[in-house]
Amino acid sequence: MPKGYWVSVYRAISDPEGLTAYNELAGLAVRAGGGRVLANFGRVVAHEAGITERVVLIEFDSFEQAVAAYESEAYQKALVALPGGFERDFRIVEGID
């Protein structure tokens, strides 16, 4: 069964400290949903139209598990905690089996 991945690229973060509540709630939701953080706050080299702001990569055992974690009550609470002043591109993608 192919794995599932959350891929988040933050285009702009004007208040990094404002993400603290979201980060805490999202971390709990990801772990409860079976996710494993593979990349977060690390170095980024961007090419072409790439963005060097924060990139987050989270792995789940399946695509369905990744979607269920996003739709979970716990992660929906985390989304409410997202502050203004940021912009991100968030995707759930299916891996190659």
C-alpha atoms as a PDB file:
ATOM      1  CA  MET A   1       0.000   0.000   0.000  1.00  0.00           C
ATOM      2  CA  PRO A   2       1.466   3.399  -0.958  1.00  0.00           C
ATOM      3  CA  LYS A   3       2.355   5.785   1.837  1.00  0.00           C
ATOM      4  CA  GLY A   4       0.762   9.200   2.194  1.00  0.00           C
ATOM      5  CA  TYR A   5       2.560  12.478   2.731  1.00  0.00           C
ATOM      6  CA  TRP A   6       1.657  15.932   3.949  1.00  0.00           C
ATOM      7  CA  VAL A   7       3.752  18.527   2.160  1.00  0.00           C
ATOM      8  CA  SER A   8       3.603  22.114   3.416  1.00  0.00           C
ATOM      9  CA  VAL A   9       5.581  24.965   1.925  1.00  0.00           C
ATOM     10  CA  TYR A  10       5.222  28.226   3.781  1.00  0.00           C
ATOM     11  CA  ARG A  11       5.433  31.052   1.266  1.00  0.00           C
ATOM     12  CA  ALA A  12       5.491  33.767   3.930  1.00  0.00           C
ATOM     13  CA  ILE A  13       5.656  33.853   7.714  1.00  0.00           C
ATOM     14  CA  SER A  14       5.454  37.331   9.194  1.00  0.00           C
ATOM     15  CA  ASP A  15       5.092  36.198  12.823  1.00  0.00           C
ATOM     16  CA  PRO A  16       6.969  32.933  13.506  1.00  0.00           C
ATOM     17  CA  GLU A  17       6.182  33.092  17.238  1.00  0.00           C
ATOM     18  CA  GLY A  18       2.486  33.204  16.351  1.00  0.00           C
ATOM     19  CA  LEU A  19       2.734  29.652  15.015  1.00  0.00           C
ATOM     20  CA  THR A  20       3.568  28.222  18.454  1.00  0.00           C
ATOM     21  CA  ALA A  21       0.011  27.198  19.399  1.00  0.00           C
ATOM     22  CA  TYR A  22      -0.585  25.705  15.946  1.00  0.00           C
ATOM     23  CA  ASN A  23       2.713  23.791  16.038  1.00  0.00           C
ATOM     24  CA  GLU A  24       1.883  22.234  19.405  1.00  0.00           C
ATOM     25  CA  LEU A  25      -1.660  21.223  18.431  1.00  0.00           C
ATOM     26  CA  ALA A  26      -0.631  20.044  14.956  1.00  0.00           C
ATOM     27  CA  GLY A  27       2.193  17.942  16.400  1.00  0.00           C
ATOM     28  CA  LEU A  28      -0.221  16.166  18.722  1.00  0.00           C
ATOM     29  CA  ALA A  29      -2.691  15.595  15.887  1.00  0.00           C
ATOM     30  CA  VAL A  30      -0.007  14.266  13.533  1.00  0.00           C
ATOM     31  CA  ARG A  31       1.319  11.800  16.103  1.00  0.00           C
ATOM     32  CA  ALA A  32      -2.219  10.693  17.041  1.00  0.00           C
ATOM     33  CA  GLY A  33      -2.911  10.116  13.346  1.00  0.00           C
ATOM     34  CA  GLY A  34       0.189   7.962  12.913  1.00  0.00           C
ATOM     35  CA  GLY A  35       2.309  10.585  11.136  1.00  0.00           C
ATOM     36  CA  ARG A  36       6.089  10.921  11.295  1.00  0.00           C
ATOM     37  CA  VAL A  37       7.785  14.254  10.655  1.00  0.00           C
ATOM     38  CA  LEU A  38      10.559  13.764   8.084  1.00  0.00           C
ATOM     39  CA  ALA A  39      11.498  17.417   7.527  1.00  0.00           C
ATOM     40  CA  ASN A  40      10.732  20.596   9.452  1.00  0.00           C
ATOM     41  CA  PHE A  41      12.689  23.819   9.977  1.00  0.00           C
ATOM     42  CA  GLY A  42      15.685  22.389   8.093  1.00  0.00           C
ATOM     43  CA  ARG A  43      17.813  23.956   5.416  1.00  0.00           C
ATOM     44  CA  VAL A  44      16.242  24.488   2.003  1.00  0.00           C
ATOM     45  CA  VAL A  45      17.853  25.090  -1.373  1.00  0.00           C
ATOM     46  CA  ALA A  46      15.231  26.339  -3.816  1.00  0.00           C
ATOM     47  CA  HIS A  47      15.435  26.183  -7.602  1.00  0.00           C
ATOM     48  CA  GLU A  48      13.273  27.599 -10.371  1.00  0.00           C
ATOM     49  CA  ALA A  49      10.117  28.990  -8.716  1.00  0.00           C
ATOM     50  CA  GLY A  50      11.024  27.423  -5.359  1.00  0.00           C
ATOM     51  CA  ILE A  51      10.648  29.133  -2.013  1.00  0.00           C
ATOM     52  CA  THR A  52      13.240  28.902   0.753  1.00  0.00           C
ATOM     53  CA  GLU A  53      10.846  29.531   3.622  1.00  0.00           C
ATOM     54  CA  ARG A  54       9.827  26.685   5.956  1.00  0.00           C
ATOM     55  CA  VAL A  55       9.083  23.287   4.372  1.00  0.00           C
ATOM     56  CA  VAL A  56       7.398  20.465   6.307  1.00  0.00           C
ATOM     57  CA  LEU A  57       7.211  16.830   5.159  1.00  0.00           C
ATOM     58  CA  ILE A  58       5.187  14.291   7.146  1.00  0.00           C
ATOM     59  CA  GLU A  59       4.855  10.588   6.298  1.00  0.00           C
ATOM     60  CA  PHE A  60       1.875   8.323   7.006  1.00  0.00           C
ATOM     61  CA  ASP A  61       1.565   4.584   6.424  1.00  0.00           C
ATOM     62  CA  SER A  62      -1.085   5.198   3.749  1.00  0.00           C
ATOM     63  CA  PHE A  63      -2.688   7.969   1.724  1.00  0.00           C
ATOM     64  CA  GLU A  64      -5.989   7.276   3.466  1.00  0.00           C
ATOM     65  CA  GLN A  65      -4.352   7.648   6.867  1.00  0.00           C
ATOM     66  CA  ALA A  66      -2.890  11.011   5.778  1.00  0.00           C
ATOM     67  CA  VAL A  67      -6.306  12.268   4.651  1.00  0.00           C
ATOM     68  CA  ALA A  68      -7.975  10.999   7.845  1.00  0.00           C
ATOM     69  CA  ALA A  69      -5.371  12.762  10.000  1.00  0.00           C
ATOM     70  CA  TYR A  70      -6.038  16.043   8.191  1.00  0.00           C
ATOM     71  CA  GLU A  71      -9.786  15.632   8.605  1.00  0.00           C
ATOM     72  CA  SER A  72      -9.484  14.627  12.275  1.00  0.00           C
ATOM     73  CA  GLU A  73     -11.024  16.757  14.990  1.00  0.00           C
ATOM     74  CA  ALA A  74      -7.583  17.238  16.549  1.00  0.00           C
ATOM     75  CA  TYR A  75      -6.044  18.682  13.370  1.00  0.00           C
ATOM     76  CA  GLN A  76      -9.078  20.837  12.659  1.00  0.00           C
ATOM     77  CA  LYS A  77      -8.543  22.414  16.100  1.00  0.00           C
ATOM     78  CA  ALA A  78      -4.920  23.065  15.147  1.00  0.00           C
ATOM     79  CA  LEU A  79      -6.024  24.828  11.965  1.00  0.00           C
ATOM     80  CA  VAL A  80      -8.153  27.222  14.024  1.00  0.00           C
ATOM     81  CA  ALA A  81      -4.989  28.196  15.903  1.00  0.00           C
ATOM     82  CA  LEU A  82      -3.168  29.268  12.728  1.00  0.00           C
ATOM     83  CA  PRO A  83      -2.472  32.989  12.999  1.00  0.00           C
ATOM     84  CA  GLY A  84      -2.844  35.548  10.266  1.00  0.00           C
ATOM     85  CA  GLY A  85       0.256  36.780   8.498  1.00  0.00           C
ATOM     86  CA  PHE A  86       1.327  33.566   6.874  1.00  0.00           C
ATOM     87  CA  GLU A  87       0.705  31.850   3.576  1.00  0.00           C
ATOM     88  CA  ARG A  88       1.329  28.197   2.807  1.00  0.00           C
ATOM     89  CA  ASP A  89       0.810  25.624   0.101  1.00  0.00           C
ATOM     90  CA  PHE A  90      -0.457  22.414   1.744  1.00  0.00           C
ATOM     91  CA  ARG A  91      -0.919  19.143  -0.131  1.00  0.00           C
ATOM     92  CA  ILE A  92      -1.593  15.518   0.674  1.00  0.00           C
ATOM     93  CA  VAL A  93       0.132  13.280  -1.836  1.00  0.00           C
ATOM     94  CA  GLU A  94       0.224   9.548  -2.438  1.00  0.00           C
ATOM     95  CA  GLY A  95       3.660   7.935  -2.492  1.00  0.00           C
ATOM     96  CA  ILE A  96       4.881   5.295  -4.873  1.00  0.00           C
ATOM     97  CA  ASP A  97       4.344   1.758  -3.603  1.00  0.00           C
END
